[in-house]
C-alpha atoms as a PDB file:
ATOM      1  CA  MET A   1      90.113  90.542 102.382  1.00  0.00           C
ATOM      2  CA  ARG A   2      89.458  93.228  99.644  1.00  0.00           C
ATOM      3  CA  VAL A   3      90.636  92.002  96.303  1.00  0.00           C
ATOM      4  CA  HIS A   4      90.850  94.666  93.368  1.00  0.00           C
ATOM      5  CA  ILE A   5      90.955  93.013  89.963  1.00  0.00           C
ATOM      6  CA  ALA A   6      91.581  94.379  86.427  1.00  0.00           C
ATOM      7  CA  THR A   7      92.025  92.926  82.976  1.00  0.00           C
ATOM      8  CA  ASP A   8      91.733  93.521  79.321  1.00  0.00           C
ATOM      9  CA  HIS A   9      89.686  91.444  76.728  1.00  0.00           C
ATOM     10  CA  ALA A  10      91.995  88.571  77.060  1.00  0.00           C
ATOM     11  CA  GLY A  11      91.238  88.070  80.718  1.00  0.00           C
ATOM     12  CA  LEU A  12      87.796  88.929  80.813  1.00  0.00           C
ATOM     13  CA  ASP A  13      86.398  85.410  81.337  1.00  0.00           C
ATOM     14  CA  PHE A  14      89.073  84.818  83.797  1.00  0.00           C
ATOM     15  CA  SER A  15      88.269  87.872  85.850  1.00  0.00           C
ATOM     16  CA  ARG A  16      84.368  86.840  85.810  1.00  0.00           C
ATOM     17  CA  GLN A  17      84.990  83.257  87.154  1.00  0.00           C
ATOM     18  CA  LEU A  18      87.785  84.726  89.545  1.00  0.00           C
ATOM     19  CA  THR A  19      85.042  87.211  91.052  1.00  0.00           C
ATOM     20  CA  GLU A  20      82.851  84.257  91.712  1.00  0.00           C
ATOM     21  CA  HIS A  21      85.577  82.140  93.141  1.00  0.00           C
ATOM     22  CA  LEU A  22      86.893  84.779  95.579  1.00  0.00           C
ATOM     23  CA  THR A  23      83.461  85.903  96.776  1.00  0.00           C
ATOM     24  CA  GLU A  24      82.536  82.350  97.540  1.00  0.00           C
ATOM     25  CA  ALA A  25      85.808  82.196  99.623  1.00  0.00           C
ATOM     26  CA  GLY A  26      84.565  85.348 101.568  1.00  0.00           C
ATOM     27  CA  HIS A  27      86.679  87.941  99.875  1.00  0.00           C
ATOM     28  CA  GLU A  28      85.255  91.472  98.764  1.00  0.00           C
ATOM     29  CA  VAL A  29      85.920  91.623  95.010  1.00  0.00           C
ATOM     30  CA  ILE A  30      86.282  94.980  93.306  1.00  0.00           C
ATOM     31  CA  ASP A  31      86.413  94.754  89.591  1.00  0.00           C
ATOM     32  CA  HIS A  32      88.114  97.748  87.804  1.00  0.00           C
ATOM     33  CA  GLY A  33      87.090  96.508  84.427  1.00  0.00           C
ATOM     34  CA  PRO A  34      86.265  96.280  81.714  1.00  0.00           C
ATOM     35  CA  ASP A  35      82.482  95.561  81.960  1.00  0.00           C
ATOM     36  CA  SER A  36      82.233  94.050  78.421  1.00  0.00           C
ATOM     37  CA  TYR A  37      84.367  92.384  75.784  1.00  0.00           C
ATOM     38  CA  GLU A  38      86.112  94.814  73.365  1.00  0.00           C
ATOM     39  CA  PRO A  39      88.818  93.261  71.536  1.00  0.00           C
ATOM     40  CA  LEU A  40      90.641  96.503  71.067  1.00  0.00           C
ATOM     41  CA  ASP A  41      90.463  97.737  74.610  1.00  0.00           C
ATOM     42  CA  ASP A  42      93.528  99.148  76.395  1.00  0.00           C
ATOM     43  CA  TYR A  43      94.577  97.481  79.773  1.00  0.00           C
ATOM     44  CA  PRO A  44      96.567 100.461  81.384  1.00  0.00           C
ATOM     45  CA  SER A  45      93.783 102.358  82.823  1.00  0.00           C
ATOM     46  CA  PHE A  46      92.158  99.235  84.281  1.00  0.00           C
ATOM     47  CA  CYS A  47      95.347  97.925  85.797  1.00  0.00           C
ATOM     48  CA  ILE A  48      96.426 101.472  87.090  1.00  0.00           C
ATOM     49  CA  ASN A  49      93.118 101.907  88.763  1.00  0.00           C
ATOM     50  CA  ALA A  50      93.256  98.435  90.392  1.00  0.00           C
ATOM     51  CA  ALA A  51      96.695  99.025  91.598  1.00  0.00           C
ATOM     52  CA  GLN A  52      96.060 102.539  92.894  1.00  0.00           C
ATOM     53  CA  ALA A  53      92.859 101.274  94.685  1.00  0.00           C
ATOM     54  CA  VAL A  54      95.171  98.692  96.483  1.00  0.00           C
ATOM     55  CA  VAL A  55      97.768 101.408  97.451  1.00  0.00           C
ATOM     56  CA  ASN A  56      94.793 103.579  98.664  1.00  0.00           C
ATOM     57  CA  ASP A  57      93.045 100.774 100.755  1.00  0.00           C
ATOM     58  CA  GLN A  58      96.398  99.671 102.457  1.00  0.00           C
ATOM     59  CA  ALA A  59      97.225 103.414 103.234  1.00  0.00           C
ATOM     60  CA  ALA A  60      93.702 103.423 104.993  1.00  0.00           C
ATOM     61  CA  GLY A  61      94.399 100.369 106.931  1.00  0.00           C
ATOM     62  CA  ILE A  62      92.228  98.025 104.736  1.00  0.00           C
ATOM     63  CA  GLN A  63      93.564  94.633 104.207  1.00  0.00           C
ATOM     64  CA  ALA A  64      93.702  94.507 100.415  1.00  0.00           C
ATOM     65  CA  LEU A  65      95.602  92.944  97.314  1.00  0.00           C
ATOM     66  CA  GLY A  66      95.319  93.081  93.699  1.00  0.00           C
ATOM     67  CA  VAL A  67      95.314  90.796  90.771  1.00  0.00           C
ATOM     68  CA  VAL A  68      95.700  91.975  87.040  1.00  0.00           C
ATOM     69  CA  PHE A  69      95.161  89.774  83.965  1.00  0.00           C
ATOM     70  CA  GLY A  70      96.132  90.024  80.334  1.00  0.00           C
ATOM     71  CA  GLY A  71      97.333  87.966  77.672  1.00  0.00           C
ATOM     72  CA  SER A  72     100.729  87.581  78.884  1.00  0.00           C
ATOM     73  CA  GLY A  73     100.556  89.489  82.238  1.00  0.00           C
ATOM     74  CA  ASN A  74     103.685  91.579  81.265  1.00  0.00           C
ATOM     75  CA  GLY A  75     102.047  94.866  80.129  1.00  0.00           C
ATOM     76  CA  GLU A  76      99.600  94.616  83.017  1.00  0.00           C
ATOM     77  CA  GLN A  77     102.331  94.132  85.563  1.00  0.00           C
ATOM     78  CA  ILE A  78     104.188  97.159  84.074  1.00  0.00           C
ATOM     79  CA  ALA A  79     100.966  99.287  84.226  1.00  0.00           C
ATOM     80  CA  ALA A  80     100.353  98.270  87.818  1.00  0.00           C
ATOM     81  CA  ASN A  81     103.996  99.185  88.785  1.00  0.00           C
ATOM     82  CA  LYS A  82     103.442 102.669  87.528  1.00  0.00           C
ATOM     83  CA  VAL A  83     101.580 103.434  90.581  1.00  0.00           C
ATOM     84  CA  LYS A  84     103.463 104.692  93.503  1.00  0.00           C
ATOM     85  CA  GLY A  85     103.434 102.179  96.315  1.00  0.00           C
ATOM     86  CA  ALA A  86     102.410  99.402  94.109  1.00  0.00           C
ATOM     87  CA  ARG A  87     104.641  96.154  94.078  1.00  0.00           C
ATOM     88  CA  ALA A  88     103.237  94.114  91.226  1.00  0.00           C
ATOM     89  CA  ALA A  89     104.925  90.501  90.307  1.00  0.00           C
ATOM     90  CA  LEU A  90     104.406  88.407  87.339  1.00  0.00           C
ATOM     91  CA  VAL A  91     103.340  85.115  88.518  1.00  0.00           C
ATOM     92  CA  TRP A  92     103.553  81.947  86.418  1.00  0.00           C
ATOM     93  CA  SER A  93     103.769  79.063  89.044  1.00  0.00           C
ATOM     94  CA  HIS A  94     102.741  78.367  92.611  1.00  0.00           C
ATOM     95  CA  ASP A  95     106.255  79.331  93.852  1.00  0.00           C
ATOM     96  CA  THR A  96     106.219  82.683  92.209  1.00  0.00           C
ATOM     97  CA  ALA A  97     102.975  83.568  93.810  1.00  0.00           C
ATOM     98  CA  VAL A  98     104.322  82.578  97.220  1.00  0.00           C
ATOM     99  CA  LEU A  99     107.682  84.315  96.880  1.00  0.00           C
ATOM    100  CA  ALA A 100     105.985  87.529  95.462  1.00  0.00           C
ATOM    101  CA  ARG A 101     104.548  87.772  99.167  1.00  0.00           C
ATOM    102  CA  GLU A 102     107.017  86.164 101.312  1.00  0.00           C
ATOM    103  CA  HIS A 103     109.839  88.083  99.834  1.00  0.00           C
ATOM    104  CA  ASN A 104     108.618  91.113  97.943  1.00  0.00           C
ATOM    105  CA  ASP A 105     105.623  91.895  99.940  1.00  0.00           C
ATOM    106  CA  ALA A 106     103.874  92.170  96.509  1.00  0.00           C
ATOM    107  CA  ASN A 107     100.609  93.865  96.841  1.00  0.00           C
ATOM    108  CA  VAL A 108      99.485  93.077  93.189  1.00  0.00           C
ATOM    109  CA  ILE A 109      99.951  90.149  91.037  1.00  0.00           C
ATOM    110  CA  SER A 110      99.813  89.915  87.214  1.00  0.00           C
ATOM    111  CA  ILE A 111      98.972  86.544  85.332  1.00  0.00           C
ATOM    112  CA  GLY A 112      98.779  85.721  81.690  1.00  0.00           C
ATOM    113  CA  ALA A 113      95.384  84.635  80.998  1.00  0.00           C
ATOM    114  CA  ARG A 114      96.543  82.891  77.547  1.00  0.00           C
ATOM    115  CA  GLN A 115      99.322  81.483  79.297  1.00  0.00           C
ATOM    116  CA  HIS A 116      97.514  79.325  82.140  1.00  0.00           C
ATOM    117  CA  SER A 117      94.371  77.537  82.630  1.00  0.00           C
ATOM    118  CA  LEU A 118      91.765  78.915  84.854  1.00  0.00           C
ATOM    119  CA  GLU A 119      92.615  76.347  87.453  1.00  0.00           C
ATOM    120  CA  GLU A 120      96.181  77.196  87.374  1.00  0.00           C
ATOM    121  CA  ALA A 121      95.435  80.917  87.826  1.00  0.00           C
ATOM    122  CA  THR A 122      92.870  80.414  90.513  1.00  0.00           C
ATOM    123  CA  ALA A 123      95.588  78.251  92.493  1.00  0.00           C
ATOM    124  CA  PHE A 124      98.156  80.873  91.975  1.00  0.00           C
ATOM    125  CA  ILE A 125      95.734  83.656  93.390  1.00  0.00           C
ATOM    126  CA  ASP A 126      94.640  81.421  96.092  1.00  0.00           C
ATOM    127  CA  ALA A 127      98.375  80.977  97.193  1.00  0.00           C
ATOM    128  CA  PHE A 128      99.396  84.582  96.875  1.00  0.00           C
ATOM    129  CA  LEU A 129      96.289  85.627  99.031  1.00  0.00           C
ATOM    130  CA  ALA A 130      97.173  83.175 101.628  1.00  0.00           C
ATOM    131  CA  THR A 131     100.795  83.981 101.944  1.00  0.00           C
ATOM    132  CA  ALA A 132     101.982  86.594 104.351  1.00  0.00           C
ATOM    133  CA  PHE A 133     105.241  88.621 104.078  1.00  0.00           C
ATOM    134  CA  THR A 134     107.880  87.061 106.087  1.00  0.00           C
ATOM    135  CA  GLY A 135     109.125  90.531 107.450  1.00  0.00           C
ATOM    136  CA  GLU A 136     112.898  89.239 107.400  1.00  0.00           C
ATOM    137  CA  GLU A 137     115.291  92.221 107.557  1.00  0.00           C
ATOM    138  CA  ARG A 138     116.890  91.644 104.225  1.00  0.00           C
ATOM    139  CA  HIS A 139     113.525  91.613 102.536  1.00  0.00           C
ATOM    140  CA  VAL A 140     112.417  94.852 104.477  1.00  0.00           C
ATOM    141  CA  ARG A 141     115.696  96.340 103.542  1.00  0.00           C
ATOM    142  CA  ARG A 142     115.339  95.676  99.914  1.00  0.00           C
ATOM    143  CA  ILE A 143     111.792  96.964  99.789  1.00  0.00           C
ATOM    144  CA  ALA A 144     112.907  99.893 101.592  1.00  0.00           C
ATOM    145  CA  GLN A 145     115.484 100.696  98.887  1.00  0.00           C
ATOM    146  CA  LEU A 146     112.859 100.420  96.047  1.00  0.00           C
ATOM    147  CA  ALA A 147     110.701 102.673  97.887  1.00  0.00           C
ATOM    148  CA  GLU A 148     113.285 105.163  98.470  1.00  0.00           C
ATOM    149  CA  TYR A 149     114.388 105.058  94.826  1.00  0.00           C
ATOM    150  CA  GLU A 150     110.719 105.605  93.814  1.00  0.00           C
ATOM    151  CA  ARG A 151     110.514 108.749  95.848  1.00  0.00           C
ATOM    152  CA  THR A 152     113.945 110.294  95.411  1.00  0.00           C
ATOM    153  CA  GLY A 153     115.686 108.514  92.601  1.00  0.00           C
ATOM    154  CA  LEU A 154     118.378 107.447  94.720  1.00  0.00           C
ATOM    155  CA  ILE A 155     119.254 104.720  97.341  1.00  0.00           C
ATOM    156  CA  ALA A 156     121.244 106.068 100.289  1.00  0.00           C
ATOM    157  CA  GLY A 157     124.482 104.385 100.350  1.00  0.00           C
ATOM    158  CA  ARG A 158     124.399 102.553  97.143  1.00  0.00           C
ATOM    159  CA  ASP A 159     125.444 103.490  93.571  1.00  0.00           C
ATOM    160  CA  VAL A 160     122.642 104.216  91.414  1.00  0.00           C
ATOM    161  CA  ASP A 161     123.548 105.872  88.099  1.00  0.00           C
ATOM    162  CA  ALA A 162     122.039 109.140  87.596  1.00  0.00           C
ATOM    163  CA  ALA A 163     119.074 109.426  85.313  1.00  0.00           C
ATOM    164  CA  ALA A 164     119.747 110.879  82.059  1.00  0.00           C
ATOM    165  CA  GLU A 165     118.694 114.546  81.695  1.00  0.00           C
END
């Protein structure tokens, strides 16, 4: 599987060690940055590039998922979710990693590098990559509603407050 990764300064060590781990496990890893430690770097472009690459690969029929890191993982998740078609989940446990795939068909996960050890983060990522979407109707329906809202600002048959003008 192709795995797109990105981080900021807080997750740079994680990303380097993760690349080695995932490569040894047979994955193709594409690192979207940064290339070097810069304590004042900004994560949005790195994470957006990784998420966009996942969406592009999936649209091309390439099996791909993404992992983004930061201090807490919150901002990185928000950045990744700005990409149309990205479903980025904040992961903080084995269960959240598995459920992100099983229930949400998440294609990107975000992990707080300052919140977890490398061993914990690696276990979350391995679980995420090994888990398939269940395809259950209720989950498919909910994901379709999110995609519809992303495209149109509405969900057919559902009450969604109009956006402020």
